[in-house]
N, C-alpha and C. Protein backbone atom coordinates (compact mmCIF):
# COMPACT_ATOMS: atom_id res chain seq x y z
N ILE A 1 -15.48 78.70 -11.13
CA ILE A 1 -16.57 78.30 -10.25
C ILE A 1 -16.01 77.58 -9.02
N TYR A 2 -15.00 76.73 -9.22
CA TYR A 2 -14.43 76.02 -8.07
C TYR A 2 -13.81 76.99 -7.07
N GLN A 3 -13.44 78.18 -7.54
CA GLN A 3 -12.86 79.18 -6.64
C GLN A 3 -13.89 79.68 -5.63
N THR A 4 -15.18 79.57 -5.96
CA THR A 4 -16.22 80.11 -5.07
C THR A 4 -16.96 79.03 -4.27
N LEU A 5 -16.60 77.76 -4.46
CA LEU A 5 -17.32 76.69 -3.76
C LEU A 5 -17.03 76.70 -2.27
N ASP A 6 -18.05 76.35 -1.51
CA ASP A 6 -17.94 76.22 -0.06
C ASP A 6 -17.11 74.97 0.26
N THR A 7 -16.11 75.12 1.08
CA THR A 7 -15.25 73.99 1.44
C THR A 7 -15.52 73.48 2.85
N SER A 8 -16.73 73.68 3.34
CA SER A 8 -17.04 73.24 4.70
C SER A 8 -17.55 71.80 4.76
N GLY A 9 -17.64 71.11 3.63
CA GLY A 9 -18.17 69.75 3.61
C GLY A 9 -17.18 68.72 4.11
N GLN A 10 -17.40 67.48 3.69
CA GLN A 10 -16.55 66.38 4.13
C GLN A 10 -15.09 66.64 3.74
N PRO A 11 -14.15 66.16 4.55
CA PRO A 11 -12.73 66.46 4.31
C PRO A 11 -12.23 66.07 2.92
N SER A 12 -12.63 64.91 2.41
CA SER A 12 -12.15 64.50 1.09
C SER A 12 -12.69 65.40 -0.02
N ALA A 13 -13.94 65.82 0.08
CA ALA A 13 -14.51 66.75 -0.90
C ALA A 13 -13.83 68.11 -0.79
N ARG A 14 -13.58 68.54 0.43
CA ARG A 14 -12.89 69.81 0.65
C ARG A 14 -11.50 69.77 0.01
N GLN A 15 -10.78 68.66 0.19
CA GLN A 15 -9.44 68.54 -0.38
C GLN A 15 -9.50 68.50 -1.91
N HIS A 16 -10.53 67.84 -2.45
CA HIS A 16 -10.71 67.81 -3.90
C HIS A 16 -10.87 69.23 -4.45
N ILE A 17 -11.72 70.03 -3.81
CA ILE A 17 -11.93 71.41 -4.26
C ILE A 17 -10.61 72.18 -4.21
N VAL A 18 -9.85 72.03 -3.16
CA VAL A 18 -8.55 72.70 -3.04
C VAL A 18 -7.61 72.22 -4.15
N ASN A 19 -7.60 70.91 -4.40
CA ASN A 19 -6.75 70.36 -5.47
C ASN A 19 -7.12 70.94 -6.83
N VAL A 20 -8.43 71.01 -7.11
CA VAL A 20 -8.89 71.56 -8.39
C VAL A 20 -8.48 73.03 -8.49
N ARG A 21 -8.71 73.79 -7.43
CA ARG A 21 -8.32 75.21 -7.43
C ARG A 21 -6.83 75.38 -7.71
N ASN A 22 -6.00 74.60 -7.01
CA ASN A 22 -4.56 74.71 -7.18
C ASN A 22 -4.14 74.34 -8.60
N SER A 23 -4.74 73.28 -9.14
CA SER A 23 -4.42 72.88 -10.51
C SER A 23 -4.81 73.96 -11.51
N ILE A 24 -5.99 74.56 -11.34
CA ILE A 24 -6.41 75.63 -12.23
C ILE A 24 -5.42 76.79 -12.18
N ASP A 25 -5.01 77.17 -10.97
CA ASP A 25 -4.05 78.27 -10.84
C ASP A 25 -2.75 77.97 -11.57
N ILE A 26 -2.22 76.76 -11.41
CA ILE A 26 -0.97 76.38 -12.07
C ILE A 26 -1.14 76.34 -13.58
N ILE A 27 -2.25 75.78 -14.04
CA ILE A 27 -2.50 75.70 -15.48
C ILE A 27 -2.59 77.10 -16.09
N LEU A 28 -3.30 78.01 -15.44
CA LEU A 28 -3.44 79.37 -15.98
C LEU A 28 -2.11 80.12 -15.99
N ILE A 29 -1.30 79.93 -14.95
CA ILE A 29 0.02 80.58 -14.91
C ILE A 29 0.89 80.11 -16.08
N ASN A 30 0.76 78.83 -16.43
CA ASN A 30 1.59 78.26 -17.50
C ASN A 30 1.00 78.45 -18.89
N ASP A 31 -0.10 79.21 -19.00
CA ASP A 31 -0.69 79.54 -20.30
C ASP A 31 -0.93 78.28 -21.15
N PRO A 32 -2.01 77.56 -20.87
CA PRO A 32 -2.24 76.27 -21.54
C PRO A 32 -2.37 76.40 -23.06
N LEU A 33 -1.95 75.34 -23.73
CA LEU A 33 -2.02 75.27 -25.18
C LEU A 33 -3.49 75.23 -25.62
N LEU A 34 -3.86 76.14 -26.49
CA LEU A 34 -5.21 76.15 -27.07
C LEU A 34 -5.16 75.37 -28.37
N ARG A 35 -5.99 74.32 -28.44
CA ARG A 35 -6.00 73.47 -29.63
C ARG A 35 -7.29 73.66 -30.41
N GLU A 36 -7.15 73.76 -31.70
CA GLU A 36 -8.33 73.82 -32.57
C GLU A 36 -8.88 72.40 -32.67
N LYS A 37 -10.11 72.23 -32.25
CA LYS A 37 -10.76 70.93 -32.36
C LYS A 37 -12.00 71.11 -33.22
N GLU A 38 -12.24 70.15 -34.05
CA GLU A 38 -13.42 70.20 -34.90
C GLU A 38 -14.67 70.07 -34.04
N PRO A 39 -15.55 71.08 -34.05
CA PRO A 39 -16.78 70.97 -33.25
C PRO A 39 -17.62 69.78 -33.72
N GLU A 40 -18.30 69.17 -32.77
CA GLU A 40 -19.18 68.06 -33.12
C GLU A 40 -20.32 68.00 -32.12
N GLU A 41 -21.51 67.75 -32.62
CA GLU A 41 -22.68 67.58 -31.75
C GLU A 41 -23.11 66.13 -31.77
N LYS A 42 -23.78 65.74 -30.72
CA LYS A 42 -24.41 64.42 -30.62
C LYS A 42 -25.92 64.66 -30.52
N PRO A 43 -26.73 63.62 -30.70
CA PRO A 43 -28.19 63.82 -30.69
C PRO A 43 -28.72 64.55 -29.46
N VAL A 44 -28.14 64.31 -28.27
CA VAL A 44 -28.62 64.95 -27.04
C VAL A 44 -28.43 66.46 -27.07
N CYS A 45 -27.58 66.97 -27.96
CA CYS A 45 -27.32 68.42 -28.02
C CYS A 45 -28.56 69.22 -28.39
N LYS A 46 -29.62 68.55 -28.85
CA LYS A 46 -30.87 69.27 -29.11
C LYS A 46 -31.43 69.87 -27.81
N TYR A 47 -30.97 69.38 -26.66
CA TYR A 47 -31.40 69.90 -25.36
C TYR A 47 -30.45 70.96 -24.78
N LEU A 48 -29.35 71.23 -25.46
CA LEU A 48 -28.33 72.10 -24.87
C LEU A 48 -28.84 73.51 -24.61
N SER A 49 -29.50 74.13 -25.56
CA SER A 49 -30.01 75.49 -25.36
C SER A 49 -30.99 75.56 -24.20
N THR A 50 -31.88 74.58 -24.12
CA THR A 50 -32.85 74.52 -23.02
C THR A 50 -32.14 74.41 -21.68
N ALA A 51 -31.12 73.55 -21.61
CA ALA A 51 -30.39 73.35 -20.36
C ALA A 51 -29.60 74.60 -19.97
N ILE A 52 -28.99 75.24 -20.95
CA ILE A 52 -28.24 76.47 -20.66
C ILE A 52 -29.18 77.57 -20.20
N ASP A 53 -30.30 77.74 -20.90
CA ASP A 53 -31.27 78.78 -20.51
C ASP A 53 -31.75 78.57 -19.08
N ALA A 54 -32.03 77.33 -18.71
CA ALA A 54 -32.46 77.05 -17.33
C ALA A 54 -31.34 77.38 -16.35
N GLY A 55 -30.11 77.08 -16.71
CA GLY A 55 -28.97 77.35 -15.84
C GLY A 55 -28.68 78.83 -15.66
N LYS A 56 -29.10 79.65 -16.61
CA LYS A 56 -28.86 81.10 -16.51
C LYS A 56 -29.67 81.73 -15.38
N LYS A 57 -30.62 80.99 -14.84
CA LYS A 57 -31.44 81.50 -13.74
C LYS A 57 -30.93 81.04 -12.38
N GLY A 58 -29.84 80.26 -12.37
CA GLY A 58 -29.38 79.66 -11.14
C GLY A 58 -28.06 80.21 -10.62
N LEU A 59 -27.52 79.50 -9.65
CA LEU A 59 -26.30 79.88 -8.96
C LEU A 59 -25.10 79.98 -9.91
N PHE A 60 -25.08 79.16 -10.95
CA PHE A 60 -23.96 79.14 -11.88
C PHE A 60 -24.30 79.85 -13.19
N ALA A 61 -25.07 80.93 -13.10
CA ALA A 61 -25.51 81.67 -14.28
C ALA A 61 -24.32 82.17 -15.11
N LYS A 62 -23.26 82.65 -14.46
CA LYS A 62 -22.10 83.15 -15.22
C LYS A 62 -21.48 82.06 -16.06
N LEU A 63 -21.38 80.86 -15.49
CA LEU A 63 -20.82 79.74 -16.24
C LEU A 63 -21.72 79.38 -17.42
N CYS A 64 -23.02 79.38 -17.21
CA CYS A 64 -23.96 79.07 -18.29
C CYS A 64 -23.91 80.12 -19.39
N ASN A 65 -23.78 81.40 -19.03
CA ASN A 65 -23.63 82.45 -20.03
C ASN A 65 -22.36 82.26 -20.85
N ALA A 66 -21.27 81.91 -20.17
CA ALA A 66 -20.01 81.67 -20.88
C ALA A 66 -20.13 80.45 -21.78
N LEU A 67 -20.76 79.39 -21.29
CA LEU A 67 -20.94 78.17 -22.09
C LEU A 67 -21.74 78.48 -23.35
N GLU A 68 -22.77 79.29 -23.20
CA GLU A 68 -23.58 79.65 -24.37
C GLU A 68 -22.74 80.32 -25.44
N LYS A 69 -21.82 81.19 -25.03
CA LYS A 69 -21.00 81.94 -25.99
C LYS A 69 -20.06 81.06 -26.79
N PHE A 70 -19.54 79.97 -26.18
CA PHE A 70 -18.60 79.15 -26.94
C PHE A 70 -19.13 77.75 -27.24
N SER A 71 -20.43 77.52 -27.04
CA SER A 71 -20.99 76.19 -27.24
C SER A 71 -20.83 75.69 -28.67
N HIS A 72 -20.82 76.61 -29.62
CA HIS A 72 -20.68 76.21 -31.03
C HIS A 72 -19.27 75.70 -31.36
N THR A 73 -18.31 75.87 -30.46
CA THR A 73 -16.94 75.43 -30.70
C THR A 73 -16.62 74.09 -30.04
N LEU A 74 -17.58 73.51 -29.32
CA LEU A 74 -17.30 72.32 -28.52
C LEU A 74 -17.42 71.03 -29.32
N ARG A 75 -16.64 70.07 -28.91
CA ARG A 75 -16.69 68.72 -29.49
C ARG A 75 -17.35 67.80 -28.46
N TRP A 76 -18.61 67.45 -28.71
CA TRP A 76 -19.34 66.55 -27.82
C TRP A 76 -19.02 65.12 -28.20
N GLU A 77 -18.82 64.28 -27.19
CA GLU A 77 -18.38 62.91 -27.42
C GLU A 77 -19.16 61.94 -26.55
N PHE A 78 -19.01 60.64 -26.86
CA PHE A 78 -19.56 59.59 -26.02
C PHE A 78 -18.50 59.06 -25.05
N GLY A 79 -17.28 58.90 -25.52
CA GLY A 79 -16.18 58.48 -24.66
C GLY A 79 -16.07 56.99 -24.43
N TYR A 80 -16.95 56.21 -25.02
CA TYR A 80 -16.93 54.77 -24.84
C TYR A 80 -16.73 54.10 -26.20
N PRO A 81 -16.01 52.96 -26.23
CA PRO A 81 -15.82 52.28 -27.50
C PRO A 81 -17.13 51.76 -28.09
N SER A 82 -18.07 51.38 -27.23
CA SER A 82 -19.41 51.00 -27.71
C SER A 82 -20.44 51.60 -26.75
N MET A 83 -21.55 52.02 -27.32
CA MET A 83 -22.57 52.71 -26.53
C MET A 83 -23.84 51.88 -26.47
N PRO A 84 -24.46 51.75 -25.29
CA PRO A 84 -25.80 51.17 -25.24
C PRO A 84 -26.75 52.03 -26.09
N ALA A 85 -27.64 51.40 -26.80
CA ALA A 85 -28.53 52.11 -27.73
C ALA A 85 -29.29 53.25 -27.05
N HIS A 86 -29.76 53.03 -25.81
CA HIS A 86 -30.56 54.06 -25.14
C HIS A 86 -29.74 55.31 -24.80
N LEU A 87 -28.43 55.17 -24.68
CA LEU A 87 -27.59 56.33 -24.36
C LEU A 87 -27.23 57.15 -25.59
N TYR A 88 -27.28 56.53 -26.76
CA TYR A 88 -26.87 57.21 -27.98
C TYR A 88 -27.65 58.52 -28.18
N GLU A 89 -28.91 58.53 -27.82
CA GLU A 89 -29.76 59.71 -27.99
C GLU A 89 -29.81 60.61 -26.76
N SER A 90 -29.31 60.13 -25.62
CA SER A 90 -29.60 60.84 -24.37
C SER A 90 -28.39 61.28 -23.55
N TYR A 91 -27.19 61.12 -24.08
CA TYR A 91 -25.98 61.44 -23.31
C TYR A 91 -24.86 61.91 -24.22
N ALA A 92 -24.08 62.86 -23.73
CA ALA A 92 -22.79 63.23 -24.34
C ALA A 92 -22.04 64.09 -23.34
N TYR A 93 -20.74 64.16 -23.53
CA TYR A 93 -19.92 65.04 -22.69
C TYR A 93 -18.95 65.79 -23.58
N THR A 94 -18.43 66.88 -23.06
CA THR A 94 -17.40 67.62 -23.76
C THR A 94 -16.30 67.98 -22.77
N GLU A 95 -15.09 67.77 -23.18
CA GLU A 95 -13.92 68.09 -22.36
C GLU A 95 -13.39 69.44 -22.83
N VAL A 96 -13.44 70.42 -21.95
CA VAL A 96 -12.96 71.77 -22.29
C VAL A 96 -11.47 71.89 -21.98
N LEU A 97 -11.07 71.37 -20.82
CA LEU A 97 -9.67 71.39 -20.40
C LEU A 97 -9.29 69.97 -20.03
N GLY A 98 -8.16 69.50 -20.54
CA GLY A 98 -7.70 68.15 -20.22
C GLY A 98 -6.87 67.59 -21.34
N PRO A 99 -6.52 66.31 -21.26
CA PRO A 99 -5.70 65.70 -22.31
C PRO A 99 -6.35 65.76 -23.69
N ASN A 100 -7.69 65.75 -23.74
CA ASN A 100 -8.39 65.80 -25.02
C ASN A 100 -9.22 67.07 -25.20
N GLY A 101 -8.98 68.07 -24.36
CA GLY A 101 -9.79 69.29 -24.38
C GLY A 101 -9.28 70.34 -25.33
N ASN A 102 -10.09 71.39 -25.50
CA ASN A 102 -9.67 72.54 -26.29
C ASN A 102 -8.44 73.20 -25.67
N LEU A 103 -8.39 73.18 -24.33
CA LEU A 103 -7.21 73.63 -23.60
C LEU A 103 -6.53 72.39 -23.04
N TYR A 104 -5.24 72.24 -23.34
CA TYR A 104 -4.53 71.02 -22.94
C TYR A 104 -4.06 71.09 -21.49
N SER A 105 -4.28 69.99 -20.78
CA SER A 105 -3.72 69.79 -19.45
C SER A 105 -3.63 68.30 -19.19
N ASP A 106 -2.54 67.87 -18.58
CA ASP A 106 -2.44 66.47 -18.17
C ASP A 106 -2.63 66.33 -16.66
N LYS A 107 -3.02 67.42 -16.01
CA LYS A 107 -3.17 67.42 -14.55
C LYS A 107 -4.62 67.49 -14.08
N LEU A 108 -5.52 67.91 -14.96
CA LEU A 108 -6.90 68.15 -14.57
C LEU A 108 -7.77 68.08 -15.82
N THR A 109 -8.97 67.55 -15.66
CA THR A 109 -9.96 67.56 -16.74
C THR A 109 -11.19 68.31 -16.24
N LEU A 110 -11.64 69.28 -17.04
CA LEU A 110 -12.87 70.02 -16.76
C LEU A 110 -13.75 69.94 -18.00
N GLY A 111 -15.04 69.77 -17.78
CA GLY A 111 -15.94 69.70 -18.92
C GLY A 111 -17.39 69.71 -18.48
N PHE A 112 -18.25 69.30 -19.40
CA PHE A 112 -19.69 69.30 -19.17
C PHE A 112 -20.28 67.97 -19.61
N VAL A 113 -21.32 67.54 -18.92
CA VAL A 113 -22.11 66.36 -19.26
C VAL A 113 -23.53 66.83 -19.51
N LEU A 114 -24.11 66.41 -20.62
CA LEU A 114 -25.50 66.74 -20.94
C LEU A 114 -26.29 65.44 -20.98
N LEU A 115 -27.38 65.41 -20.20
CA LEU A 115 -28.23 64.23 -20.10
C LEU A 115 -29.67 64.61 -20.44
N ALA A 116 -30.29 63.84 -21.30
CA ALA A 116 -31.67 64.11 -21.71
C ALA A 116 -32.64 63.74 -20.59
N PRO A 117 -33.88 64.27 -20.66
CA PRO A 117 -34.90 63.81 -19.71
C PRO A 117 -35.03 62.28 -19.77
N ARG A 118 -35.20 61.68 -18.61
CA ARG A 118 -35.37 60.22 -18.46
C ARG A 118 -34.11 59.41 -18.79
N CYS A 119 -33.00 60.06 -18.96
CA CYS A 119 -31.75 59.33 -19.23
C CYS A 119 -31.34 58.51 -18.01
N HIS A 120 -30.95 57.28 -18.24
CA HIS A 120 -30.30 56.49 -17.18
C HIS A 120 -28.91 56.15 -17.67
N TYR A 121 -27.93 56.73 -17.01
CA TYR A 121 -26.51 56.52 -17.32
C TYR A 121 -26.04 55.41 -16.39
N PRO A 122 -25.74 54.22 -16.94
CA PRO A 122 -25.54 53.04 -16.09
C PRO A 122 -24.28 53.09 -15.22
N ASP A 123 -24.20 52.08 -14.34
CA ASP A 123 -23.08 51.96 -13.41
C ASP A 123 -21.75 52.04 -14.15
N HIS A 124 -20.87 52.85 -13.59
CA HIS A 124 -19.50 52.98 -14.09
C HIS A 124 -18.64 53.48 -12.95
N ARG A 125 -17.36 53.46 -13.11
CA ARG A 125 -16.44 53.99 -12.11
C ARG A 125 -15.20 54.52 -12.82
N HIS A 126 -14.49 55.38 -12.13
CA HIS A 126 -13.29 55.99 -12.68
C HIS A 126 -12.11 55.64 -11.77
N GLY A 127 -11.37 54.63 -12.13
CA GLY A 127 -10.25 54.19 -11.31
C GLY A 127 -9.16 55.26 -11.23
N GLY A 128 -8.76 55.59 -10.02
CA GLY A 128 -7.68 56.55 -9.81
C GLY A 128 -8.04 58.00 -10.02
N ILE A 129 -9.33 58.30 -10.24
CA ILE A 129 -9.75 59.66 -10.55
C ILE A 129 -10.73 60.16 -9.50
N GLU A 130 -10.42 61.32 -8.91
CA GLU A 130 -11.40 62.04 -8.08
C GLU A 130 -12.33 62.76 -9.05
N GLU A 131 -13.62 62.65 -8.81
CA GLU A 131 -14.59 63.27 -9.71
C GLU A 131 -15.57 64.11 -8.91
N SER A 132 -15.93 65.25 -9.47
CA SER A 132 -17.00 66.05 -8.87
C SER A 132 -17.92 66.54 -9.96
N TYR A 133 -19.16 66.74 -9.55
CA TYR A 133 -20.18 67.31 -10.43
C TYR A 133 -20.72 68.59 -9.80
N LEU A 134 -20.97 69.57 -10.63
CA LEU A 134 -21.74 70.76 -10.25
C LEU A 134 -22.99 70.72 -11.12
N CYS A 135 -24.15 70.76 -10.50
CA CYS A 135 -25.40 70.74 -11.28
C CYS A 135 -25.72 72.16 -11.72
N LEU A 136 -25.72 72.39 -13.03
CA LEU A 136 -26.01 73.71 -13.58
C LEU A 136 -27.50 73.88 -13.84
N SER A 137 -28.15 72.80 -14.30
CA SER A 137 -29.60 72.86 -14.52
C SER A 137 -30.16 71.45 -14.54
N GLY A 138 -31.47 71.36 -14.32
CA GLY A 138 -32.13 70.07 -14.27
C GLY A 138 -31.90 69.39 -12.94
N GLN A 139 -32.31 68.14 -12.87
CA GLN A 139 -32.11 67.34 -11.66
C GLN A 139 -31.66 65.94 -12.05
N VAL A 140 -30.78 65.39 -11.24
CA VAL A 140 -30.30 64.03 -11.47
C VAL A 140 -30.12 63.36 -10.11
N ILE A 141 -30.33 62.06 -10.10
CA ILE A 141 -30.11 61.27 -8.89
C ILE A 141 -28.98 60.30 -9.16
N GLN A 142 -27.99 60.31 -8.28
CA GLN A 142 -26.88 59.37 -8.37
C GLN A 142 -27.13 58.23 -7.40
N ASN A 143 -27.00 57.01 -7.91
CA ASN A 143 -27.14 55.80 -7.09
C ASN A 143 -28.44 55.76 -6.29
N LYS A 144 -29.50 56.26 -6.86
CA LYS A 144 -30.85 56.20 -6.30
C LYS A 144 -31.07 57.00 -5.02
N THR A 145 -30.02 57.60 -4.46
CA THR A 145 -30.19 58.30 -3.18
C THR A 145 -29.61 59.71 -3.15
N GLU A 146 -28.63 60.01 -4.00
CA GLU A 146 -27.94 61.30 -3.94
C GLU A 146 -28.53 62.23 -5.01
N LYS A 147 -29.40 63.13 -4.58
CA LYS A 147 -30.10 64.01 -5.52
C LYS A 147 -29.30 65.29 -5.74
N LEU A 148 -29.16 65.65 -7.01
CA LEU A 148 -28.49 66.90 -7.39
C LEU A 148 -29.49 67.80 -8.09
N SER A 149 -29.63 69.01 -7.56
CA SER A 149 -30.46 70.06 -8.16
C SER A 149 -29.55 71.22 -8.51
N PRO A 150 -30.05 72.20 -9.27
CA PRO A 150 -29.20 73.33 -9.64
C PRO A 150 -28.51 73.96 -8.43
N GLY A 151 -27.19 74.14 -8.55
CA GLY A 151 -26.39 74.72 -7.48
C GLY A 151 -25.71 73.70 -6.60
N ASP A 152 -26.08 72.41 -6.74
CA ASP A 152 -25.51 71.37 -5.88
C ASP A 152 -24.16 70.89 -6.38
N PHE A 153 -23.35 70.42 -5.43
CA PHE A 153 -22.02 69.86 -5.67
C PHE A 153 -22.00 68.43 -5.16
N LEU A 154 -21.36 67.53 -5.90
CA LEU A 154 -21.25 66.14 -5.47
C LEU A 154 -19.83 65.65 -5.76
N PHE A 155 -19.23 64.99 -4.78
CA PHE A 155 -17.88 64.46 -4.91
C PHE A 155 -17.92 62.94 -4.91
N ASN A 156 -17.19 62.33 -5.85
CA ASN A 156 -17.03 60.87 -5.91
C ASN A 156 -15.57 60.51 -5.68
N HIS A 157 -15.33 59.65 -4.69
CA HIS A 157 -13.97 59.13 -4.45
C HIS A 157 -13.50 58.33 -5.67
N PRO A 158 -12.20 58.22 -5.87
CA PRO A 158 -11.69 57.38 -6.97
C PRO A 158 -12.24 55.95 -6.87
N GLY A 159 -12.74 55.45 -7.98
CA GLY A 159 -13.24 54.09 -8.04
C GLY A 159 -14.65 53.87 -7.54
N LYS A 160 -15.34 54.91 -7.08
CA LYS A 160 -16.72 54.75 -6.58
C LYS A 160 -17.64 54.39 -7.75
N LYS A 161 -18.37 53.30 -7.61
CA LYS A 161 -19.34 52.92 -8.63
C LYS A 161 -20.55 53.85 -8.52
N HIS A 162 -20.99 54.38 -9.66
CA HIS A 162 -22.14 55.27 -9.63
C HIS A 162 -22.91 55.24 -10.94
N ALA A 163 -24.19 55.52 -10.85
CA ALA A 163 -25.09 55.63 -11.99
C ALA A 163 -25.90 56.91 -11.82
N LEU A 164 -26.34 57.48 -12.94
CA LEU A 164 -27.09 58.74 -12.91
C LEU A 164 -28.44 58.54 -13.58
N THR A 165 -29.49 59.07 -12.96
CA THR A 165 -30.84 59.00 -13.53
C THR A 165 -31.46 60.39 -13.50
N VAL A 166 -31.92 60.83 -14.66
CA VAL A 166 -32.51 62.17 -14.82
C VAL A 166 -34.03 62.06 -14.75
N GLY A 167 -34.65 63.06 -14.17
CA GLY A 167 -36.11 63.11 -14.09
C GLY A 167 -36.75 63.26 -15.46
N PRO A 168 -38.09 63.18 -15.53
CA PRO A 168 -38.79 63.17 -16.81
C PRO A 168 -39.03 64.54 -17.44
N ASP A 169 -38.84 65.61 -16.68
CA ASP A 169 -39.33 66.91 -17.16
C ASP A 169 -38.31 67.81 -17.84
N ALA A 170 -37.03 67.61 -17.61
CA ALA A 170 -36.04 68.54 -18.14
C ALA A 170 -34.70 67.85 -18.31
N PRO A 171 -33.88 68.33 -19.25
CA PRO A 171 -32.52 67.80 -19.34
C PRO A 171 -31.70 68.24 -18.14
N CYS A 172 -30.58 67.60 -17.97
CA CYS A 172 -29.67 67.95 -16.87
C CYS A 172 -28.31 68.31 -17.47
N LEU A 173 -27.78 69.44 -17.02
CA LEU A 173 -26.46 69.88 -17.45
C LEU A 173 -25.55 69.93 -16.22
N LEU A 174 -24.46 69.17 -16.28
CA LEU A 174 -23.50 69.09 -15.19
C LEU A 174 -22.15 69.61 -15.66
N ALA A 175 -21.45 70.32 -14.81
CA ALA A 175 -20.03 70.58 -15.02
C ALA A 175 -19.30 69.50 -14.21
N PHE A 176 -18.18 69.03 -14.72
CA PHE A 176 -17.44 68.01 -13.98
C PHE A 176 -15.97 68.36 -13.91
N ALA A 177 -15.31 67.82 -12.89
CA ALA A 177 -13.86 67.94 -12.75
C ALA A 177 -13.32 66.56 -12.41
N TRP A 178 -12.25 66.19 -13.09
CA TRP A 178 -11.50 64.99 -12.78
C TRP A 178 -10.11 65.41 -12.33
N ASN A 179 -9.72 64.97 -11.16
CA ASN A 179 -8.39 65.26 -10.65
C ASN A 179 -7.67 63.92 -10.47
N ALA A 180 -6.49 63.78 -11.09
CA ALA A 180 -5.75 62.51 -11.00
C ALA A 180 -4.30 62.75 -11.40
N ASP A 181 -3.49 61.74 -11.17
CA ASP A 181 -2.11 61.80 -11.66
C ASP A 181 -2.12 61.90 -13.18
N PRO A 182 -1.15 62.61 -13.76
CA PRO A 182 -1.11 62.74 -15.22
C PRO A 182 -1.15 61.41 -15.96
N GLU A 183 -0.46 60.39 -15.46
CA GLU A 183 -0.45 59.10 -16.15
C GLU A 183 -1.86 58.51 -16.24
N VAL A 184 -2.66 58.70 -15.20
CA VAL A 184 -4.03 58.19 -15.20
C VAL A 184 -4.87 58.95 -16.22
N LEU A 185 -4.80 60.29 -16.19
CA LEU A 185 -5.61 61.09 -17.12
C LEU A 185 -5.21 60.84 -18.58
N LEU A 186 -3.92 60.71 -18.84
CA LEU A 186 -3.45 60.53 -20.21
C LEU A 186 -3.83 59.17 -20.79
N ASN A 187 -3.97 58.16 -19.95
CA ASN A 187 -4.22 56.80 -20.44
C ASN A 187 -5.61 56.28 -20.10
N TYR A 188 -6.51 57.16 -19.70
CA TYR A 188 -7.82 56.71 -19.23
C TYR A 188 -8.73 56.31 -20.39
N SER A 189 -9.45 55.21 -20.20
CA SER A 189 -10.51 54.84 -21.14
C SER A 189 -11.76 54.53 -20.32
N MET A 190 -12.91 54.95 -20.82
CA MET A 190 -14.15 54.82 -20.08
C MET A 190 -14.79 53.46 -20.38
N GLU A 191 -15.33 52.84 -19.32
CA GLU A 191 -15.99 51.55 -19.46
C GLU A 191 -17.18 51.46 -18.50
N PHE A 192 -18.23 50.80 -18.94
CA PHE A 192 -19.36 50.54 -18.06
C PHE A 192 -19.07 49.28 -17.25
N GLU A 193 -19.76 49.15 -16.12
CA GLU A 193 -19.61 47.97 -15.26
C GLU A 193 -20.18 46.76 -15.96
C-alpha cells in the first residue's frame, strides 16, 4: 500500500513514505523470517469483521481482503504493562512485520490498530519513531482536529503527543507503520502520558 501512496504532501511525510518503501524493498529482498505466533484475540476483535467488510468498499480494499484471509492467524495485543479499564474492551493492535511480528524485522514495524466505536485512546507518544496511519475503515480524530476517514493518511513526527477518538457509529481500522533505528524498535515499550 505504501508503494501507491501520493508523496506530494509535506516533506517529512513524503520522506517517511520513501523510507517505508525502501525498508519494505530491503526486507523482501532478504526474505524475512516467518515466525509461528500463537493467535490471540482481544475483546475489541468482535468488531474486526465489521471493520474489514467496511474497508472492502474503500481505497484499501485489497489490503482489507488480504487481512480477512489471514486474520485468524494474528496475535492481537494491548502493548502496555497496564491498561486503563475503558481501553480493555475497545482497543488492540497486531504487529504483522517487526521485532514482535509474524514476519521479523528490526528496521520497520507494520501492523493494524482496531478501535471500537466511541473509543478514546489517550495521549501517548513514540520517542524516536516516525509513525503513520492509513485509515482502512471508520473514522477517527487525532488530537481533536486531525480527522481520518477511509483512504486518509496521517504522519506523526517522532515524539509527537497524540490521542485518538472514534465516532459513535462504527469501529475504526487503521494500518500503521513505525520507522526507526533498529535499537529503538527492538527496545521500545509503550506508555501513556
